[in-house]
């Protein structure tokens, strides 16, 4: 891509944040996001990244969300970096009037996207363990600060951009399982223990030289950390259909991430959190073929039906351990 003039409202926001002195600027529009406009902007003292939240997400379904979610993304970044320095890009500024924030730009040459690595069959269990470790440390650090709940009054946002499009919408697609999805929503909303990212996905994790870097915390919420764990583990199962040659590696990543996360659970009995994550995971699994945000790489009816078969069975008889889900998926892949 080549540089192009920035939209005037982004230029105005950069002036208000005291990040730009010139009357205009150019930048490169970055790809990959469905919920924000994202730009790399070259300033005299180096490149930065800016994000502007969209009111309507770029998906086929009519999926809308308030633009003030950027405010809470910025707060999540600050808390994550306080808990684990370098776990998120450094926050450089925020313009709440336009739903825009500015952050450190991390070049892809030394911060490749984890999703790209997984697509290419590079399944590094040690990196997956580092993701689990950092995620667990962020949850543990914030769980010790219950006062943070007041800074994240985002129950409605989290419902609108996570629980409704993933769980409620999938329940509508599978009416016989609608009560199961309603129960998952109720349990998730009732457990408030720590600061949740809400979109811990390989597309939002950079493989930095000093460890994983989490991006795009637009769903930040004071709530159930089991959601983050289940959301990320779900992607490692789904990747088995994207790059079948690396299935064994993806399943090893699943085990490594879960094992590295578990020792950090001190705010409640670890078995209770694991049970909630294990109950959520099949719902999220099914949501990625029949919810509002299906993954783009599951393209055949055979693969979609495989996901449906495994997920529906697990939703009907919910397991209490994550290893039970891994084993059920492994058995079906081998069949």
Protein backbone atom coordinates (compact mmCIF):
# COMPACT_ATOMS: atom_id res chain seq x y z
CA UNK A 1 0.00 0.00 0.00
CA UNK A 2 0.98 3.59 -0.50
CA UNK A 3 0.44 6.53 1.81
CA UNK A 4 -2.71 8.57 1.36
CA UNK A 5 -4.09 11.71 3.00
CA UNK A 6 -5.64 11.17 6.40
CA UNK A 7 -9.34 11.92 6.89
CA UNK A 8 -9.74 15.46 8.28
CA UNK A 9 -11.34 14.22 11.50
CA UNK A 10 -8.29 12.07 12.26
CA UNK A 11 -5.97 15.00 11.59
CA UNK A 12 -8.06 17.17 13.94
CA UNK A 13 -7.93 14.49 16.63
CA UNK A 14 -4.14 14.23 16.31
CA UNK A 15 -3.92 18.00 16.83
CA UNK A 16 -6.11 17.78 19.94
CA UNK A 17 -3.87 15.02 21.31
CA UNK A 18 -0.80 17.22 20.61
CA UNK A 19 0.69 14.50 18.42
CA UNK A 20 0.71 16.49 15.18
CA UNK A 21 1.83 20.06 14.53
CA UNK A 22 1.59 20.14 10.72
CA UNK A 23 -1.74 21.12 9.13
CA UNK A 24 -2.05 17.75 7.40
CA UNK A 25 -0.55 14.28 7.39
CA UNK A 26 -0.50 11.08 5.36
CA UNK A 27 -0.61 7.48 6.43
CA UNK A 28 -1.29 3.91 5.40
CA UNK A 29 -4.68 2.38 6.08
CA UNK A 30 -4.08 -1.00 7.70
CA UNK A 31 -6.21 -4.03 6.95
CA UNK A 32 -7.65 -6.77 9.09
CA UNK A 33 -10.09 -5.02 11.41
CA UNK A 34 -13.86 -5.28 11.17
CA UNK A 35 -14.66 -2.87 13.99
CA UNK A 36 -12.29 0.09 13.45
CA UNK A 37 -10.43 2.19 10.92
CA UNK A 38 -6.74 1.59 11.64
CA UNK A 39 -3.89 3.70 10.26
CA UNK A 40 -0.11 3.77 10.44
CA UNK A 41 1.01 7.40 10.52
CA UNK A 42 4.62 8.51 10.13
CA UNK A 43 5.40 11.46 12.40
CA UNK A 44 8.76 13.25 12.66
CA UNK A 45 9.67 11.26 15.77
CA UNK A 46 8.51 7.90 14.40
CA UNK A 47 5.48 5.92 13.33
CA UNK A 48 2.34 5.62 15.41
CA UNK A 49 -0.87 3.67 15.01
CA UNK A 50 -4.31 5.23 15.35
CA UNK A 51 -7.69 3.49 15.66
CA UNK A 52 -11.13 4.96 15.13
CA UNK A 53 -14.08 2.87 16.26
CA UNK A 54 -16.87 2.18 13.77
CA UNK A 55 -20.52 2.31 14.78
CA UNK A 56 -21.37 -0.53 12.34
CA UNK A 57 -18.94 -3.41 12.09
CA UNK A 58 -17.77 -4.68 8.72
CA UNK A 59 -19.59 -8.01 8.73
CA UNK A 60 -22.53 -9.33 6.73
CA UNK A 61 -24.90 -9.21 9.71
CA UNK A 62 -26.27 -5.94 11.08
CA UNK A 63 -23.84 -5.63 14.01
CA UNK A 64 -23.55 -2.26 15.73
CA UNK A 65 -21.63 -1.08 18.79
CA UNK A 66 -21.08 2.23 20.57
CA UNK A 67 -17.92 4.07 19.56
CA UNK A 68 -17.09 4.97 23.17
CA UNK A 69 -15.68 1.44 23.52
CA UNK A 70 -12.32 2.99 22.60
CA UNK A 71 -12.32 4.67 26.01
CA UNK A 72 -12.30 1.29 27.71
CA UNK A 73 -9.79 -0.19 25.29
CA UNK A 74 -7.36 2.55 26.32
CA UNK A 75 -7.98 1.79 29.99
CA UNK A 76 -7.41 -1.94 29.38
CA UNK A 77 -4.10 -1.21 27.68
CA UNK A 78 -2.94 0.81 30.66
CA UNK A 79 -3.91 -1.89 33.13
CA UNK A 80 -2.38 -4.68 31.05
CA UNK A 81 0.94 -2.86 30.79
CA UNK A 82 0.89 -2.14 34.51
CA UNK A 83 0.41 -5.85 35.20
CA UNK A 84 2.84 -7.12 32.54
CA UNK A 85 5.01 -4.43 30.91
CA UNK A 86 4.90 -4.81 27.14
CA UNK A 87 1.71 -6.89 27.13
CA UNK A 88 0.01 -4.19 25.04
CA UNK A 89 1.23 -1.34 22.84
CA UNK A 90 2.04 1.84 24.74
CA UNK A 91 -0.90 4.26 24.77
CA UNK A 92 0.08 7.67 23.31
CA UNK A 93 -3.20 9.55 23.39
CA UNK A 94 -6.96 9.35 23.22
CA UNK A 95 -9.62 11.58 21.67
CA UNK A 96 -12.89 10.53 23.21
CA UNK A 97 -14.88 12.97 21.06
CA UNK A 98 -14.18 10.92 17.94
CA UNK A 99 -13.63 7.48 19.47
CA UNK A 100 -10.00 7.56 18.38
CA UNK A 101 -6.88 6.45 20.20
CA UNK A 102 -3.19 6.61 19.32
CA UNK A 103 -0.68 3.98 20.30
CA UNK A 104 2.80 2.69 19.68
CA UNK A 105 3.27 1.22 16.19
CA UNK A 106 4.87 -2.22 16.30
CA UNK A 107 6.41 -3.13 12.91
CA UNK A 108 5.36 -6.51 11.51
CA UNK A 109 8.97 -7.38 10.69
CA UNK A 110 9.65 -8.11 14.36
CA UNK A 111 6.05 -8.38 15.59
CA UNK A 112 4.39 -10.94 13.27
CA UNK A 113 0.75 -11.76 13.78
CA UNK A 114 0.17 -15.03 15.61
CA UNK A 115 -2.76 -15.84 13.29
CA UNK A 116 -0.44 -15.66 10.27
CA UNK A 117 2.04 -17.98 11.94
CA UNK A 118 -0.71 -20.50 12.73
CA UNK A 119 -2.06 -20.30 9.18
CA UNK A 120 1.40 -21.18 7.93
CA UNK A 121 1.54 -24.21 10.24
CA UNK A 122 3.96 -22.70 12.75
CA UNK A 123 2.48 -24.07 15.96
CA UNK A 124 4.85 -23.09 18.77
CA UNK A 125 3.65 -24.53 22.08
CA UNK A 126 6.13 -22.37 23.98
CA UNK A 127 4.57 -19.22 22.53
CA UNK A 128 1.07 -20.49 23.31
CA UNK A 129 2.23 -21.05 26.89
CA UNK A 130 3.50 -17.47 26.99
CA UNK A 131 0.04 -16.27 25.87
CA UNK A 132 -1.58 -18.25 28.66
CA UNK A 133 0.95 -17.00 31.19
CA UNK A 134 0.51 -13.32 30.27
CA UNK A 135 -3.25 -13.58 30.14
CA UNK A 136 -3.29 -15.25 33.55
CA UNK A 137 -1.00 -12.61 35.02
CA UNK A 138 -3.22 -9.79 33.73
CA UNK A 139 -6.33 -11.44 35.15
CA UNK A 140 -4.64 -12.10 38.49
CA UNK A 141 -3.27 -8.56 38.83
CA UNK A 142 -6.62 -6.96 38.08
CA UNK A 143 -8.56 -9.40 40.26
CA UNK A 144 -6.58 -7.98 43.19
CA UNK A 145 -7.99 -4.53 42.36
CA UNK A 146 -11.79 -4.77 42.55
CA UNK A 147 -11.98 -0.96 42.47
CA UNK A 148 -11.27 -1.26 38.71
CA UNK A 149 -14.83 -2.45 38.19
CA UNK A 150 -16.03 1.15 38.42
CA UNK A 151 -13.73 2.16 35.52
CA UNK A 152 -15.28 -0.46 33.22
CA UNK A 153 -19.08 -0.02 33.28
CA UNK A 154 -19.29 -1.95 30.02
CA UNK A 155 -21.88 -4.65 30.66
CA UNK A 156 -24.04 -3.36 27.81
CA UNK A 157 -21.12 -3.05 25.36
CA UNK A 158 -19.91 -6.55 26.20
CA UNK A 159 -23.39 -7.96 25.67
CA UNK A 160 -23.79 -6.11 22.36
CA UNK A 161 -20.46 -7.11 20.83
CA UNK A 162 -19.76 -10.46 22.48
CA UNK A 163 -22.63 -12.25 24.17
CA UNK A 164 -25.39 -11.36 21.69
CA UNK A 165 -23.52 -11.95 18.39
CA UNK A 166 -21.73 -15.08 19.57
CA UNK A 167 -24.08 -16.84 21.98
CA UNK A 168 -27.57 -15.39 21.63
CA UNK A 169 -27.42 -15.30 17.83
CA UNK A 170 -26.14 -18.88 17.67
CA UNK A 171 -28.99 -19.95 19.93
CA UNK A 172 -31.40 -18.48 17.39
CA UNK A 173 -29.71 -20.56 14.68
CA UNK A 174 -30.11 -23.69 16.83
CA UNK A 175 -33.47 -23.21 18.60
CA UNK A 176 -33.33 -26.56 20.38
CA UNK A 177 -30.13 -25.37 22.09
CA UNK A 178 -31.36 -21.85 22.84
CA UNK A 179 -31.82 -22.63 26.57
CA UNK A 180 -28.22 -23.86 26.72
CA UNK A 181 -26.98 -20.60 25.20
CA UNK A 182 -29.18 -18.55 27.52
CA UNK A 183 -27.64 -20.38 30.48
CA UNK A 184 -24.13 -19.64 29.19
CA UNK A 185 -24.98 -15.94 28.90
CA UNK A 186 -26.47 -15.85 32.39
CA UNK A 187 -23.47 -17.59 33.98
CA UNK A 188 -20.97 -15.37 32.16
CA UNK A 189 -22.78 -12.19 33.18
CA UNK A 190 -23.02 -13.32 36.81
CA UNK A 191 -19.31 -13.99 37.36
CA UNK A 192 -17.36 -10.77 37.90
CA UNK A 193 -13.81 -11.40 39.01
CA UNK A 194 -11.26 -9.56 36.86
CA UNK A 195 -10.59 -7.33 33.87
CA UNK A 196 -11.47 -9.18 30.68
CA UNK A 197 -10.03 -8.38 27.24
CA UNK A 198 -12.95 -9.95 25.38
CA UNK A 199 -11.25 -10.70 22.05
CA UNK A 200 -8.18 -12.80 22.85
CA UNK A 201 -7.76 -14.23 19.38
CA UNK A 202 -4.63 -15.02 17.34
CA UNK A 203 -5.59 -12.14 15.02
CA UNK A 204 -5.15 -9.81 18.00
CA UNK A 205 -1.86 -11.19 19.32
CA UNK A 206 1.57 -10.23 18.02
CA UNK A 207 4.53 -12.54 18.47
CA UNK A 208 6.91 -9.88 19.74
CA UNK A 209 10.60 -10.38 20.50
CA UNK A 210 9.84 -10.12 24.22
CA UNK A 211 6.63 -12.12 24.25
CA UNK A 212 2.99 -11.85 23.19
CA UNK A 213 1.46 -8.40 22.68
CA UNK A 214 -2.33 -8.14 22.95
CA UNK A 215 -4.23 -5.80 20.62
CA UNK A 216 -7.83 -4.63 20.17
CA UNK A 217 -9.33 -4.67 23.65
CA UNK A 218 -12.51 -2.97 22.43
CA UNK A 219 -14.60 -5.46 24.41
CA UNK A 220 -12.86 -4.69 27.72
CA UNK A 221 -15.15 -5.64 30.60
CA UNK A 222 -15.02 -6.25 34.33
CA UNK A 223 -16.36 -9.76 34.36
CA UNK A 224 -15.59 -13.43 33.88
CA UNK A 225 -11.98 -14.26 32.93
CA UNK A 226 -13.16 -17.71 31.82
CA UNK A 227 -14.46 -15.97 28.69
CA UNK A 228 -10.97 -14.87 27.62
CA UNK A 229 -9.54 -18.34 28.20
CA UNK A 230 -12.29 -20.11 26.28
CA UNK A 231 -12.27 -17.54 23.47
CA UNK A 232 -8.57 -18.06 22.75
CA UNK A 233 -8.56 -21.84 23.14
CA UNK A 234 -11.48 -22.00 20.69
CA UNK A 235 -9.29 -20.61 17.92
CA UNK A 236 -6.63 -23.25 18.44
CA UNK A 237 -9.23 -25.96 17.88
CA UNK A 238 -10.64 -24.26 14.79
CA UNK A 239 -7.20 -23.85 13.23
CA UNK A 240 -7.08 -27.64 12.90
CA UNK A 241 -9.46 -27.22 9.96
CA UNK A 242 -7.46 -24.39 8.40
CA UNK A 243 -4.05 -26.05 8.37
CA UNK A 244 -4.66 -29.79 8.87
CA UNK A 245 -0.97 -30.66 8.57
CA UNK A 246 -0.31 -28.81 11.85
CA UNK A 247 -3.20 -30.30 13.86
CA UNK A 248 -0.95 -32.02 16.38
CA UNK A 249 0.89 -28.75 16.96
CA UNK A 250 -2.33 -26.77 17.43
CA UNK A 251 -3.58 -29.27 19.99
CA UNK A 252 -0.23 -29.06 21.80
CA UNK A 253 -0.68 -25.26 21.83
CA UNK A 254 -4.16 -25.74 23.34
CA UNK A 255 -2.70 -27.85 26.16
CA UNK A 256 0.24 -25.50 26.73
CA UNK A 257 -1.90 -22.34 26.91
CA UNK A 258 -4.38 -23.86 29.35
CA UNK A 259 -1.61 -25.30 31.53
CA UNK A 260 0.29 -21.99 31.70
CA UNK A 261 -2.84 -20.03 32.57
CA UNK A 262 -4.13 -22.23 35.38
CA UNK A 263 -1.45 -21.49 38.07
CA UNK A 264 -2.41 -17.80 38.06
CA UNK A 265 -6.00 -18.44 39.14
CA UNK A 266 -6.05 -17.29 42.76
CA UNK A 267 -9.26 -15.24 42.88
CA UNK A 268 -11.43 -18.39 42.96
CA UNK A 269 -10.92 -22.18 42.85
CA UNK A 270 -9.21 -22.97 39.56
CA UNK A 271 -11.53 -25.92 38.92
CA UNK A 272 -14.56 -23.63 38.96
CA UNK A 273 -13.08 -21.29 36.37
CA UNK A 274 -12.05 -24.23 34.19
CA UNK A 275 -15.59 -25.62 34.31
CA UNK A 276 -17.07 -22.32 33.15
CA UNK A 277 -14.50 -22.11 30.34
CA UNK A 278 -15.22 -25.72 29.33
CA UNK A 279 -18.96 -25.01 29.22
CA UNK A 280 -18.44 -21.83 27.18
CA UNK A 281 -16.04 -23.27 24.65
CA UNK A 282 -18.50 -25.45 22.66
CA UNK A 283 -20.87 -22.49 22.43
CA UNK A 284 -18.12 -20.29 21.05
CA UNK A 285 -17.02 -23.14 18.78
CA UNK A 286 -20.47 -23.36 17.21
CA UNK A 287 -20.71 -19.57 17.06
CA UNK A 288 -17.79 -19.41 14.65
CA UNK A 289 -19.86 -21.17 11.99
CA UNK A 290 -23.42 -20.11 12.89
CA UNK A 291 -23.09 -16.83 14.81
CA UNK A 292 -22.75 -13.30 13.50
CA UNK A 293 -18.97 -13.57 13.03
CA UNK A 294 -18.12 -16.87 11.30
CA UNK A 295 -14.44 -17.54 10.71
CA UNK A 296 -13.48 -16.94 7.11
CA UNK A 297 -11.39 -20.09 6.68
CA UNK A 298 -14.08 -22.71 7.34
CA UNK A 299 -15.56 -22.78 3.87
CA UNK A 300 -16.94 -26.27 3.23
CA UNK A 301 -20.15 -27.84 4.45
CA UNK A 302 -18.17 -30.87 5.61
CA UNK A 303 -16.04 -28.76 7.96
CA UNK A 304 -18.97 -26.67 9.16
CA UNK A 305 -20.92 -29.83 9.91
CA UNK A 306 -17.95 -31.30 11.77
CA UNK A 307 -17.91 -28.25 14.05
CA UNK A 308 -21.68 -28.47 14.52
CA UNK A 309 -21.54 -32.18 15.33
CA UNK A 310 -18.90 -31.84 18.02
CA UNK A 311 -20.22 -28.59 19.49
CA UNK A 312 -23.83 -29.75 19.71
CA UNK A 313 -22.83 -32.97 21.47
CA UNK A 314 -20.73 -31.06 24.00
CA UNK A 315 -23.45 -28.49 24.60
CA UNK A 316 -25.88 -31.30 25.28
CA UNK A 317 -23.57 -32.94 27.81
CA UNK A 318 -21.28 -30.14 29.05
CA UNK A 319 -17.83 -31.31 30.18
CA UNK A 320 -16.14 -29.86 33.24
CA UNK A 321 -12.59 -30.07 31.95
CA UNK A 322 -10.95 -28.46 28.95
CA UNK A 323 -9.11 -31.69 28.21
CA UNK A 324 -12.48 -33.38 27.60
CA UNK A 325 -13.20 -30.92 24.79
CA UNK A 326 -9.78 -31.42 23.27
CA UNK A 327 -10.28 -35.18 23.34
CA UNK A 328 -13.75 -34.99 21.78
CA UNK A 329 -12.40 -32.82 18.95
CA UNK A 330 -9.38 -35.08 18.47
CA UNK A 331 -11.60 -38.17 18.20
CA UNK A 332 -13.81 -36.54 15.57
CA UNK A 333 -10.83 -35.34 13.53
CA UNK A 334 -9.46 -38.90 13.52
CA UNK A 335 -12.77 -40.45 12.47
